[in-house]
Amino acid sequence: MSDDTVNSQITDAVTQTNVKVVAESPSQAIASLYQVVSHATGLAVQNATQNQQAMNQISTAVVSKGVQQIMDIKG
């Protein structure tokens, strides 16, 4: 019958690797979460800026039309 025992150094190396992976996973998850939240916040700020610029363009057109109508009443 063959010897089915595994060298203890091999089992220790595998165990230490597993412990390292399990120990690092929470910090990896939090770092990933921070990156996702930062990216989402950046996109939100870009969207807000774009919306503000679009509203400024619309408001300029509205003011111009309003001034034109006022001038038409006097003229």
N, C-alpha and C. Protein backbone atom coordinates (compact mmCIF):
# COMPACT_ATOMS: atom_id res chain seq x y z
N MET A 1 0.85 -1.18 0.00
CA MET A 1 0.00 0.00 0.00
C MET A 1 0.88 1.23 0.00
N SER A 2 0.47 2.28 -0.74
CA SER A 2 1.28 3.49 -0.84
C SER A 2 1.08 4.37 0.39
N ASP A 3 2.06 5.20 0.59
CA ASP A 3 2.02 6.12 1.73
C ASP A 3 1.20 7.36 1.35
N ASP A 4 0.06 7.61 2.01
CA ASP A 4 -0.84 8.71 1.67
C ASP A 4 -0.61 9.97 2.50
N THR A 5 0.45 10.03 3.22
CA THR A 5 0.69 11.22 4.03
C THR A 5 1.27 12.34 3.17
N VAL A 6 0.96 13.58 3.55
CA VAL A 6 1.45 14.76 2.85
C VAL A 6 2.49 15.42 3.74
N ASN A 7 3.53 15.92 3.12
CA ASN A 7 4.58 16.59 3.86
C ASN A 7 3.98 17.75 4.64
N SER A 8 4.36 17.88 5.90
CA SER A 8 3.79 18.93 6.76
C SER A 8 4.17 20.32 6.28
N GLN A 9 5.32 20.47 5.62
CA GLN A 9 5.70 21.78 5.10
C GLN A 9 4.74 22.22 4.00
N ILE A 10 4.27 21.29 3.20
CA ILE A 10 3.32 21.62 2.14
C ILE A 10 1.99 22.05 2.73
N THR A 11 1.50 21.31 3.69
CA THR A 11 0.22 21.69 4.31
C THR A 11 0.34 23.03 5.03
N ASP A 12 1.48 23.30 5.66
CA ASP A 12 1.68 24.60 6.32
C ASP A 12 1.69 25.74 5.30
N ALA A 13 2.34 25.53 4.17
CA ALA A 13 2.40 26.56 3.14
C ALA A 13 1.01 26.87 2.59
N VAL A 14 0.22 25.82 2.34
CA VAL A 14 -1.14 26.01 1.83
C VAL A 14 -2.00 26.70 2.88
N THR A 15 -1.85 26.31 4.12
CA THR A 15 -2.63 26.93 5.20
C THR A 15 -2.28 28.41 5.34
N GLN A 16 -0.99 28.74 5.30
CA GLN A 16 -0.58 30.14 5.43
C GLN A 16 -1.09 30.98 4.25
N THR A 17 -1.09 30.41 3.06
CA THR A 17 -1.62 31.12 1.90
C THR A 17 -3.11 31.39 2.06
N ASN A 18 -3.84 30.39 2.52
CA ASN A 18 -5.28 30.56 2.74
C ASN A 18 -5.56 31.61 3.81
N VAL A 19 -4.79 31.59 4.87
CA VAL A 19 -4.96 32.58 5.94
C VAL A 19 -4.69 33.98 5.40
N LYS A 20 -3.64 34.13 4.59
CA LYS A 20 -3.30 35.43 4.02
C LYS A 20 -4.42 35.96 3.14
N VAL A 21 -4.98 35.10 2.28
CA VAL A 21 -6.05 35.51 1.39
C VAL A 21 -7.29 35.92 2.17
N VAL A 22 -7.65 35.13 3.16
CA VAL A 22 -8.83 35.43 3.97
C VAL A 22 -8.63 36.71 4.78
N ALA A 23 -7.41 36.94 5.25
CA ALA A 23 -7.14 38.13 6.06
C ALA A 23 -7.15 39.40 5.21
N GLU A 24 -6.74 39.31 3.95
CA GLU A 24 -6.66 40.50 3.11
C GLU A 24 -7.98 40.84 2.42
N SER A 25 -8.91 39.93 2.35
CA SER A 25 -10.13 40.16 1.58
C SER A 25 -10.98 41.33 2.09
N PRO A 26 -11.15 41.56 3.40
CA PRO A 26 -11.95 42.72 3.81
C PRO A 26 -11.35 44.05 3.35
N SER A 27 -10.03 44.20 3.46
CA SER A 27 -9.42 45.46 3.04
C SER A 27 -9.50 45.62 1.52
N GLN A 28 -9.39 44.53 0.78
CA GLN A 28 -9.54 44.60 -0.67
C GLN A 28 -10.96 45.03 -1.03
N ALA A 29 -11.93 44.49 -0.33
CA ALA A 29 -13.33 44.83 -0.61
C ALA A 29 -13.60 46.30 -0.30
N ILE A 30 -13.08 46.79 0.82
CA ILE A 30 -13.29 48.20 1.17
C ILE A 30 -12.60 49.12 0.16
N ALA A 31 -11.40 48.74 -0.28
CA ALA A 31 -10.69 49.56 -1.27
C ALA A 31 -11.48 49.60 -2.57
N SER A 32 -12.02 48.48 -2.97
CA SER A 32 -12.85 48.44 -4.19
C SER A 32 -14.10 49.30 -4.02
N LEU A 33 -14.72 49.22 -2.86
CA LEU A 33 -15.90 50.03 -2.58
C LEU A 33 -15.57 51.51 -2.65
N TYR A 34 -14.45 51.92 -2.06
CA TYR A 34 -14.04 53.33 -2.10
C TYR A 34 -13.85 53.80 -3.55
N GLN A 35 -13.24 52.96 -4.37
CA GLN A 35 -13.03 53.34 -5.77
C GLN A 35 -14.36 53.50 -6.50
N VAL A 36 -15.28 52.60 -6.27
CA VAL A 36 -16.59 52.67 -6.93
C VAL A 36 -17.35 53.91 -6.48
N VAL A 37 -17.33 54.20 -5.19
CA VAL A 37 -18.03 55.38 -4.67
C VAL A 37 -17.39 56.66 -5.19
N SER A 38 -16.06 56.69 -5.26
CA SER A 38 -15.38 57.87 -5.79
C SER A 38 -15.74 58.09 -7.25
N HIS A 39 -15.78 57.03 -8.01
CA HIS A 39 -16.13 57.15 -9.43
C HIS A 39 -17.57 57.63 -9.59
N ALA A 40 -18.48 57.07 -8.81
CA ALA A 40 -19.89 57.49 -8.88
C ALA A 40 -20.05 58.95 -8.49
N THR A 41 -19.31 59.39 -7.48
CA THR A 41 -19.38 60.79 -7.06
C THR A 41 -18.85 61.71 -8.16
N GLY A 42 -17.77 61.31 -8.79
CA GLY A 42 -17.23 62.10 -9.89
C GLY A 42 -18.21 62.23 -11.03
N LEU A 43 -18.87 61.13 -11.37
CA LEU A 43 -19.88 61.17 -12.43
C LEU A 43 -21.05 62.06 -12.05
N ALA A 44 -21.45 62.02 -10.79
CA ALA A 44 -22.55 62.87 -10.34
C ALA A 44 -22.20 64.35 -10.45
N VAL A 45 -20.96 64.70 -10.10
CA VAL A 45 -20.52 66.08 -10.20
C VAL A 45 -20.47 66.51 -11.67
N GLN A 46 -19.98 65.63 -12.54
CA GLN A 46 -19.95 65.96 -13.96
C GLN A 46 -21.36 66.17 -14.51
N ASN A 47 -22.29 65.32 -14.11
CA ASN A 47 -23.67 65.46 -14.56
C ASN A 47 -24.29 66.77 -14.05
N ALA A 48 -24.01 67.11 -12.81
CA ALA A 48 -24.54 68.35 -12.26
C ALA A 48 -23.99 69.56 -13.01
N THR A 49 -22.70 69.52 -13.33
CA THR A 49 -22.09 70.62 -14.08
C THR A 49 -22.71 70.74 -15.46
N GLN A 50 -22.89 69.62 -16.12
CA GLN A 50 -23.50 69.63 -17.46
C GLN A 50 -24.93 70.17 -17.41
N ASN A 51 -25.69 69.74 -16.42
CA ASN A 51 -27.06 70.23 -16.28
C ASN A 51 -27.09 71.73 -16.01
N GLN A 52 -26.17 72.21 -15.21
CA GLN A 52 -26.11 73.64 -14.92
C GLN A 52 -25.78 74.43 -16.19
N GLN A 53 -24.85 73.93 -16.98
CA GLN A 53 -24.51 74.62 -18.22
C GLN A 53 -25.69 74.63 -19.19
N ALA A 54 -26.41 73.52 -19.26
CA ALA A 54 -27.58 73.46 -20.14
C ALA A 54 -28.65 74.44 -19.68
N MET A 55 -28.87 74.53 -18.37
CA MET A 55 -29.86 75.48 -17.86
C MET A 55 -29.44 76.92 -18.10
N ASN A 56 -28.15 77.20 -18.05
CA ASN A 56 -27.67 78.56 -18.36
C ASN A 56 -27.96 78.91 -19.81
N GLN A 57 -27.78 77.96 -20.72
CA GLN A 57 -28.09 78.22 -22.13
C GLN A 57 -29.58 78.48 -22.32
N ILE A 58 -30.41 77.66 -21.66
CA ILE A 58 -31.85 77.84 -21.79
C ILE A 58 -32.28 79.18 -21.20
N SER A 59 -31.70 79.53 -20.05
CA SER A 59 -32.10 80.78 -19.41
C SER A 59 -31.69 81.98 -20.24
N THR A 60 -30.57 81.91 -20.93
CA THR A 60 -30.16 83.01 -21.82
C THR A 60 -31.17 83.17 -22.94
N ALA A 61 -31.62 82.06 -23.51
CA ALA A 61 -32.62 82.14 -24.58
C ALA A 61 -33.94 82.69 -24.06
N VAL A 62 -34.34 82.29 -22.87
CA VAL A 62 -35.60 82.78 -22.29
C VAL A 62 -35.52 84.28 -22.03
N VAL A 63 -34.42 84.74 -21.47
CA VAL A 63 -34.27 86.17 -21.20
C VAL A 63 -34.28 86.96 -22.50
N SER A 64 -33.60 86.45 -23.51
CA SER A 64 -33.59 87.14 -24.80
C SER A 64 -34.99 87.25 -25.38
N LYS A 65 -35.75 86.17 -25.30
CA LYS A 65 -37.13 86.19 -25.83
C LYS A 65 -37.99 87.15 -25.01
N GLY A 66 -37.81 87.15 -23.68
CA GLY A 66 -38.57 88.07 -22.84
C GLY A 66 -38.26 89.52 -23.14
N VAL A 67 -37.00 89.85 -23.33
CA VAL A 67 -36.61 91.22 -23.68
C VAL A 67 -37.19 91.60 -25.03
N GLN A 68 -37.17 90.68 -25.97
CA GLN A 68 -37.73 90.94 -27.29
C GLN A 68 -39.23 91.25 -27.21
N GLN A 69 -39.95 90.49 -26.39
CA GLN A 69 -41.39 90.73 -26.23
C GLN A 69 -41.66 92.07 -25.56
N ILE A 70 -40.83 92.44 -24.59
CA ILE A 70 -40.99 93.75 -23.93
C ILE A 70 -40.74 94.87 -24.93
N MET A 71 -39.73 94.71 -25.74
CA MET A 71 -39.41 95.73 -26.76
C MET A 71 -40.54 95.83 -27.79
N ASP A 72 -41.18 94.71 -28.12
CA ASP A 72 -42.28 94.73 -29.07
C ASP A 72 -43.49 95.48 -28.51
N ILE A 73 -43.72 95.40 -27.20
CA ILE A 73 -44.85 96.10 -26.60
C ILE A 73 -44.64 97.61 -26.67
N LYS A 74 -43.44 98.08 -26.41
CA LYS A 74 -43.15 99.52 -26.43
C LYS A 74 -43.12 100.07 -27.85
N GLY A 75 -42.71 99.25 -28.81
CA GLY A 75 -42.49 99.75 -30.14
C GLY A 75 -43.75 99.81 -30.92
